[in-house]
Amino acid sequence: MTDSQFEDCTTCPPSMPVAECSCEIACTHEPVFVAGRYQKYSRVLSQTPWIVDGKRVMEGSVEELICDPILSTFRPADHRFSSSGREDVDVRTLGLGRPFVVELIDPHRYIFSQEDMAVLQQKINSLSKDVQVRDLQIVSRGDTNILKEGETSKTKSYSAECWCERPLTEADIAKLAAIKDLVLQQKTPLRVLHRRTAATRERLIHSLSAKTFNKNIFKLFLCTQAGTYIKEFVHGDFGRTTPNMSELLGVECDIINLDVESVDVDWPPKIDLDNKMTSLMLDEKNNHLHEGGSQECQDNEVS
C-alpha cells in the first residue's frame, strides 16, 4: 500500500474515539453426566414427554420424573436424557432396570459426593411409585459410549402374558423350549410406521419358554437381540414379522401385557450405599412401594 492509499483510508494523526471499547466474557462449565438405572412400574406412562400438536397427551413421563430433581440440584442451562433403548407406554421395566444418562449442559453446580447422589436418588424415588432409580452416579463422557453400544449389541429379556386360540399343550411348550437363535425378518411395525423408516430388519430370538396359567392364557419368556419387536413377534403384525408365535404354534396368538425383565448392559457400576441414613430411607420407600399401590406389580412379576 502506498502512502497516498493509506492516507485515503485513514487520518493521521487518528481522530479521538467517541465511544468506549467494551467486551463481554462468558464462562461455561463442561457438561456433567449423571447415570443410573430406572424401573418403571406403570402401564400408562411414556418414557419421554408425549406432546402432539402442541398438546400434552399424558401427564408426566419417566424422563421428567427422573430429570426434574436432577435439574433443580445441578441447575444446568440445558439437558439431554438418553437410555439404552426404550419401552412402550404400556410396558413395564422390572429387574435391575434400564440404564440411562442425563447430560447436564453448563451446570451451575457440579461437585457432588456419592453420598450427595444417594440423597438425590432418594429424592427422585420419593416423587412417584411409578418410577424408581438405582445406582445414581456421575460418570465421564467416555463412559456413556457403553450406553449407545448396548442399544443394538446387547441382549434383553422379556416376559409376556399372551392369549392363544386354544390351550397350549405339553408338545407346544416343548417345541418352544427347543428353539435357539431363531432368526426373524421384521418389517417396521404398522404402529410405528408413521415415524420410523420402512425397512426389514433381521433380529434374533435367542431362547423361548412358556408356562400355562389357565385355559388360553400363557406366560412367554424370551431372551432376544436388542431392537426386537416383541409384540409383533407374538401376533405377527399381519404377517410383517416372520416367523411369529402364530406360525410356530399354528394357531392365532395375541399379547396382553409385556414386561422388560432385564437389559443386559453391565453399566453403570452398581453402587453400595454405605451411608446408613440413606439406606434406611431407601428401605422405607421400598417397603411402602411393595405394601401400597405397587401390589399389582408384585402380582404380575415373574417369580
Protein backbone atom coordinates (compact mmCIF):
# COMPACT_ATOMS: atom_id res chain seq x y z
CA MET A 1 0.00 0.00 0.00
CA THR A 2 1.37 3.41 -0.95
CA ASP A 3 1.36 6.42 1.35
CA SER A 4 -1.37 8.08 -0.67
CA GLN A 5 -3.57 4.97 -0.49
CA PHE A 6 -3.05 4.81 3.27
CA GLU A 7 -3.99 8.48 3.64
CA ASP A 8 -7.20 7.82 1.68
CA CYS A 9 -8.22 5.13 4.18
CA THR A 10 -7.45 6.89 7.44
CA THR A 11 -6.40 10.15 9.02
CA CYS A 12 -3.07 10.96 10.51
CA PRO A 13 -2.95 11.57 13.34
CA PRO A 14 -6.02 9.38 14.08
CA SER A 15 -9.14 11.05 15.39
CA MET A 16 -10.15 10.88 19.03
CA PRO A 17 -12.56 7.93 19.71
CA VAL A 18 -16.08 8.97 20.67
CA ALA A 19 -17.26 5.64 22.17
CA GLU A 20 -15.81 3.40 24.83
CA CYS A 21 -14.48 -0.02 23.94
CA SER A 22 -16.24 -2.88 25.69
CA CYS A 23 -16.04 -6.66 25.79
CA GLU A 24 -18.13 -9.47 27.23
CA ILE A 25 -16.79 -12.59 28.90
CA ALA A 26 -18.93 -15.73 29.24
CA CYS A 27 -17.78 -18.60 31.44
CA THR A 28 -19.25 -22.06 30.94
CA HIS A 29 -18.58 -25.42 32.53
CA GLU A 30 -18.07 -28.65 30.65
CA PRO A 31 -21.08 -31.00 30.70
CA VAL A 32 -21.70 -33.28 33.66
CA PHE A 33 -23.14 -36.75 33.04
CA VAL A 34 -25.44 -38.36 35.61
CA ALA A 35 -26.12 -42.07 35.05
CA GLY A 36 -28.26 -44.72 36.70
CA ARG A 37 -30.89 -47.36 36.05
CA TYR A 38 -34.66 -46.89 36.26
CA GLN A 39 -37.51 -49.27 36.92
CA LYS A 40 -40.93 -48.39 35.52
CA TYR A 41 -43.97 -49.94 37.21
CA SER A 42 -46.74 -48.14 35.31
CA ARG A 43 -48.52 -49.15 32.11
CA VAL A 44 -49.79 -45.62 31.47
CA LEU A 45 -46.51 -43.68 31.50
CA SER A 46 -44.43 -42.67 28.47
CA GLN A 47 -40.65 -42.59 28.61
CA THR A 48 -40.38 -39.04 27.26
CA PRO A 49 -42.93 -36.18 27.26
CA TRP A 50 -45.70 -37.12 24.81
CA ILE A 51 -46.83 -33.97 23.02
CA VAL A 52 -48.91 -33.96 19.84
CA ASP A 53 -49.73 -30.71 18.01
CA GLY A 54 -48.54 -28.73 21.00
CA LYS A 55 -50.82 -30.57 23.44
CA ARG A 56 -49.68 -32.98 26.13
CA VAL A 57 -51.20 -36.44 25.66
CA MET A 58 -50.22 -37.93 29.02
CA GLU A 59 -49.42 -36.39 32.39
CA GLY A 60 -45.76 -36.79 33.24
CA SER A 61 -43.09 -39.11 31.86
CA VAL A 62 -40.16 -41.21 33.02
CA GLU A 63 -37.77 -38.51 31.81
CA GLU A 64 -39.48 -35.75 33.78
CA LEU A 65 -39.76 -37.78 37.00
CA ILE A 66 -36.03 -38.50 36.84
CA CYS A 67 -34.74 -35.21 35.46
CA ASP A 68 -36.71 -32.62 37.42
CA PRO A 69 -34.90 -33.25 40.75
CA ILE A 70 -31.55 -33.53 38.94
CA LEU A 71 -32.10 -30.21 37.15
CA SER A 72 -33.09 -28.39 40.34
CA THR A 73 -29.94 -29.73 42.02
CA PHE A 74 -27.35 -29.08 39.27
CA ARG A 75 -29.13 -26.07 37.67
CA PRO A 76 -27.84 -26.58 34.10
CA ALA A 77 -28.57 -24.35 31.12
CA ASP A 78 -29.99 -27.36 29.27
CA HIS A 79 -30.02 -31.15 29.40
CA ARG A 80 -30.36 -34.30 27.30
CA PHE A 81 -31.88 -37.58 28.50
CA SER A 82 -30.77 -40.86 26.89
CA SER A 83 -31.36 -44.52 27.72
CA SER A 84 -30.40 -47.97 26.50
CA GLY A 85 -33.46 -48.45 24.31
CA ARG A 86 -36.98 -47.53 25.32
CA GLU A 87 -40.22 -49.21 26.30
CA ASP A 88 -43.75 -48.53 25.09
CA VAL A 89 -46.18 -46.63 27.30
CA ASP A 90 -47.93 -49.86 28.36
CA VAL A 91 -44.73 -51.85 29.04
CA ARG A 92 -43.14 -52.11 32.47
CA THR A 93 -39.39 -52.26 33.08
CA LEU A 94 -38.56 -54.53 36.01
CA GLY A 95 -35.48 -56.36 37.30
CA LEU A 96 -32.43 -54.12 37.74
CA GLY A 97 -33.97 -51.54 35.43
CA ARG A 98 -32.92 -49.77 32.24
CA PRO A 99 -29.61 -47.85 32.08
CA PHE A 100 -29.92 -44.11 31.42
CA VAL A 101 -27.76 -40.99 31.38
CA VAL A 102 -28.61 -37.30 31.71
CA GLU A 103 -26.20 -34.86 30.08
CA LEU A 104 -26.22 -31.58 32.02
CA ILE A 105 -25.05 -28.70 29.84
CA ASP A 106 -23.25 -25.83 31.62
CA PRO A 107 -24.32 -26.77 35.17
CA HIS A 108 -24.12 -24.12 37.90
CA ARG A 109 -23.27 -26.82 40.46
CA TYR A 110 -21.09 -29.76 39.59
CA ILE A 111 -19.22 -31.07 42.66
CA PHE A 112 -21.18 -33.80 44.43
CA SER A 113 -20.07 -36.73 46.57
CA GLN A 114 -21.58 -40.18 46.18
CA GLU A 115 -23.46 -39.55 49.43
CA ASP A 116 -24.99 -36.46 47.80
CA MET A 117 -26.01 -38.59 44.82
CA ALA A 118 -27.63 -41.13 47.16
CA VAL A 119 -29.72 -38.35 48.69
CA LEU A 120 -30.66 -37.15 45.20
CA GLN A 121 -31.64 -40.71 44.28
CA GLN A 122 -33.93 -40.87 47.30
CA LYS A 123 -35.46 -37.53 46.30
CA ILE A 124 -36.29 -38.92 42.84
CA ASN A 125 -37.72 -42.12 44.30
CA SER A 126 -39.97 -40.18 46.67
CA LEU A 127 -41.79 -38.44 43.82
CA SER A 128 -43.72 -41.40 42.43
CA LYS A 129 -44.20 -45.12 42.94
CA ASP A 130 -44.32 -45.48 39.14
CA VAL A 131 -40.59 -44.85 38.60
CA GLN A 132 -37.67 -45.83 40.83
CA VAL A 133 -33.97 -45.26 40.15
CA ARG A 134 -30.86 -47.01 41.43
CA ASP A 135 -27.08 -46.73 41.09
CA LEU A 136 -27.28 -42.95 40.52
CA GLN A 137 -23.77 -41.56 39.95
CA ILE A 138 -21.65 -39.09 37.99
CA VAL A 139 -19.78 -40.65 35.05
CA SER A 140 -17.39 -39.41 32.37
CA ARG A 141 -18.34 -38.61 28.77
CA GLY A 142 -16.37 -41.63 27.56
CA ASP A 143 -18.34 -43.96 29.83
CA THR A 144 -21.57 -43.02 28.08
CA ASN A 145 -20.44 -44.81 24.90
CA ILE A 146 -21.31 -48.09 26.63
CA LEU A 147 -24.93 -46.96 26.74
CA LYS A 148 -25.12 -46.41 22.98
CA GLU A 149 -23.42 -49.71 22.23
CA GLY A 150 -25.98 -51.51 24.37
CA GLU A 151 -28.90 -50.23 22.27
CA THR A 152 -28.06 -52.64 19.43
CA SER A 153 -25.38 -55.08 20.55
CA LYS A 154 -26.72 -56.46 23.84
CA THR A 155 -29.49 -58.90 24.74
CA LYS A 156 -32.74 -58.19 26.54
CA SER A 157 -35.09 -60.48 28.43
CA TYR A 158 -38.87 -60.16 28.46
CA SER A 159 -41.94 -61.81 29.89
CA ALA A 160 -45.25 -61.52 28.08
CA GLU A 161 -48.76 -62.51 29.10
CA CYS A 162 -50.29 -63.97 25.95
CA TRP A 163 -53.56 -65.34 24.63
CA CYS A 164 -53.81 -68.36 22.37
CA GLU A 165 -56.78 -69.57 20.34
CA ARG A 166 -56.53 -72.90 22.16
CA PRO A 167 -54.80 -74.03 25.37
CA LEU A 168 -51.11 -74.81 24.97
CA THR A 169 -50.18 -78.48 25.09
CA GLU A 170 -47.05 -80.07 26.54
CA ALA A 171 -45.87 -80.56 22.97
CA ASP A 172 -46.27 -76.82 22.30
CA ILE A 173 -44.25 -75.94 25.39
CA ALA A 174 -41.51 -78.43 24.45
CA LYS A 175 -41.40 -77.07 20.90
CA LEU A 176 -40.89 -73.52 22.12
CA ALA A 177 -38.23 -74.56 24.64
CA ALA A 178 -36.24 -76.27 21.89
CA ILE A 179 -35.95 -73.07 19.84
CA LYS A 180 -32.50 -71.47 19.89
CA ASP A 181 -31.32 -68.40 17.95
CA LEU A 182 -34.46 -68.10 15.85
CA VAL A 183 -33.89 -65.60 13.01
CA LEU A 184 -36.76 -63.15 12.44
CA GLN A 185 -37.49 -60.91 9.49
CA GLN A 186 -39.30 -57.90 10.92
CA LYS A 187 -40.76 -55.16 8.77
CA THR A 188 -41.26 -51.84 10.52
CA PRO A 189 -44.40 -52.38 12.66
CA LEU A 190 -47.58 -50.73 11.47
CA ARG A 191 -47.96 -48.99 14.84
CA VAL A 192 -44.70 -47.03 14.37
CA LEU A 193 -44.61 -46.79 10.58
CA HIS A 194 -45.71 -43.14 10.71
CA ARG A 195 -42.49 -42.14 12.49
CA ARG A 196 -39.89 -44.75 11.51
CA THR A 197 -38.29 -45.68 8.23
CA ALA A 198 -39.93 -48.56 6.38
CA ALA A 199 -37.40 -51.39 6.37
CA THR A 200 -36.99 -55.10 7.01
CA ARG A 201 -34.72 -55.86 9.96
CA GLU A 202 -33.18 -59.19 10.88
CA ARG A 203 -33.44 -59.98 14.59
CA LEU A 204 -32.65 -62.97 16.80
CA ILE A 205 -34.74 -64.73 19.43
CA HIS A 206 -32.02 -66.46 21.47
CA SER A 207 -34.35 -68.57 23.61
CA LEU A 208 -38.04 -69.13 24.38
CA SER A 209 -40.04 -70.81 27.11
CA ALA A 210 -43.70 -70.81 28.08
CA LYS A 211 -45.77 -71.52 31.16
CA THR A 212 -49.53 -72.04 31.04
CA PHE A 213 -51.84 -70.34 33.51
CA ASN A 214 -55.47 -71.07 32.76
CA LYS A 215 -57.32 -72.07 29.64
CA ASN A 216 -56.00 -69.93 26.78
CA ILE A 217 -53.63 -67.70 28.76
CA PHE A 218 -49.90 -68.40 29.00
CA LYS A 219 -46.72 -66.62 30.01
CA LEU A 220 -43.96 -66.35 27.43
CA PHE A 221 -40.33 -65.77 28.43
CA LEU A 222 -37.88 -64.52 25.81
CA CYS A 223 -34.21 -63.63 25.53
CA THR A 224 -33.69 -61.58 22.39
CA GLN A 225 -31.36 -59.37 20.45
CA ALA A 226 -31.74 -55.69 21.32
CA GLY A 227 -34.17 -53.98 18.96
CA THR A 228 -36.53 -56.94 18.54
CA TYR A 229 -40.22 -56.03 18.36
CA ILE A 230 -41.77 -58.45 20.88
CA LYS A 231 -45.43 -57.56 20.39
CA GLU A 232 -45.14 -58.14 16.65
CA PHE A 233 -43.34 -61.45 17.20
CA VAL A 234 -46.33 -62.68 19.21
CA HIS A 235 -49.22 -61.62 16.96
CA GLY A 236 -47.35 -61.41 13.64
CA ASP A 237 -48.38 -57.86 12.70
CA PHE A 238 -50.44 -59.13 9.75
CA GLY A 239 -47.54 -61.21 8.51
CA ARG A 240 -44.98 -58.40 8.71
CA THR A 241 -42.91 -60.36 11.27
CA THR A 242 -41.96 -63.91 10.28
CA PRO A 243 -41.78 -66.37 11.80
CA ASN A 244 -44.07 -65.43 14.67
CA MET A 245 -45.82 -67.22 17.53
CA SER A 246 -48.98 -67.76 15.49
CA GLU A 247 -46.93 -69.51 12.80
CA LEU A 248 -44.88 -71.53 15.28
CA LEU A 249 -47.95 -72.85 17.10
CA GLY A 250 -50.26 -72.99 14.09
CA VAL A 251 -52.99 -71.00 15.86
CA GLU A 252 -53.80 -67.35 16.42
CA CYS A 253 -51.90 -65.67 19.27
CA ASP A 254 -52.01 -62.20 20.75
CA ILE A 255 -50.25 -60.32 23.52
CA ILE A 256 -51.97 -58.98 26.64
CA ASN A 257 -49.13 -57.47 28.69
CA LEU A 258 -45.38 -57.13 28.23
CA ASP A 259 -42.60 -56.59 30.78
CA VAL A 260 -38.90 -55.93 30.28
CA GLU A 261 -37.19 -58.27 32.74
CA SER A 262 -33.58 -57.27 32.08
CA VAL A 263 -31.45 -55.05 29.87
CA ASP A 264 -28.14 -56.89 29.75
CA VAL A 265 -25.82 -53.88 29.79
CA ASP A 266 -23.39 -54.01 32.71
CA TRP A 267 -23.47 -50.25 33.23
CA PRO A 268 -23.38 -48.07 35.18
CA PRO A 269 -21.48 -49.80 38.00
CA LYS A 270 -23.58 -50.91 40.94
CA ILE A 271 -23.43 -48.58 43.93
CA ASP A 272 -23.29 -49.85 47.50
CA LEU A 273 -24.99 -47.30 49.71
CA ASP A 274 -22.63 -47.04 52.69
CA ASN A 275 -24.50 -44.10 54.15
CA LYS A 276 -26.72 -45.73 56.77
CA MET A 277 -29.28 -42.95 56.79
CA THR A 278 -29.72 -43.13 53.03
CA SER A 279 -30.02 -46.91 53.15
CA LEU A 280 -32.75 -46.66 55.78
CA MET A 281 -34.58 -44.07 53.68
CA LEU A 282 -34.45 -46.36 50.65
CA ASP A 283 -35.66 -49.35 52.68
CA GLU A 284 -38.59 -47.32 53.96
CA LYS A 285 -39.52 -46.28 50.41
CA ASN A 286 -39.26 -49.84 49.07
CA ASN A 287 -41.44 -51.17 51.90
CA HIS A 288 -44.07 -48.55 51.15
CA LEU A 289 -43.88 -49.38 47.43
CA HIS A 290 -44.44 -53.09 47.96
CA GLU A 291 -47.12 -52.70 50.61
CA GLY A 292 -49.05 -49.98 48.82
CA GLY A 293 -50.03 -49.16 45.27
CA SER A 294 -47.49 -51.48 43.66
CA GLN A 295 -49.38 -54.61 44.65
CA GLU A 296 -50.41 -55.08 41.03
CA CYS A 297 -46.74 -55.10 40.05
CA GLN A 298 -45.99 -57.79 42.61
CA ASP A 299 -48.89 -59.94 41.47
CA ASN A 300 -47.69 -59.85 37.88
CA GLU A 301 -43.94 -60.13 38.39
CA VAL A 302 -42.27 -63.35 37.33
CA SER A 303 -41.07 -65.46 40.20
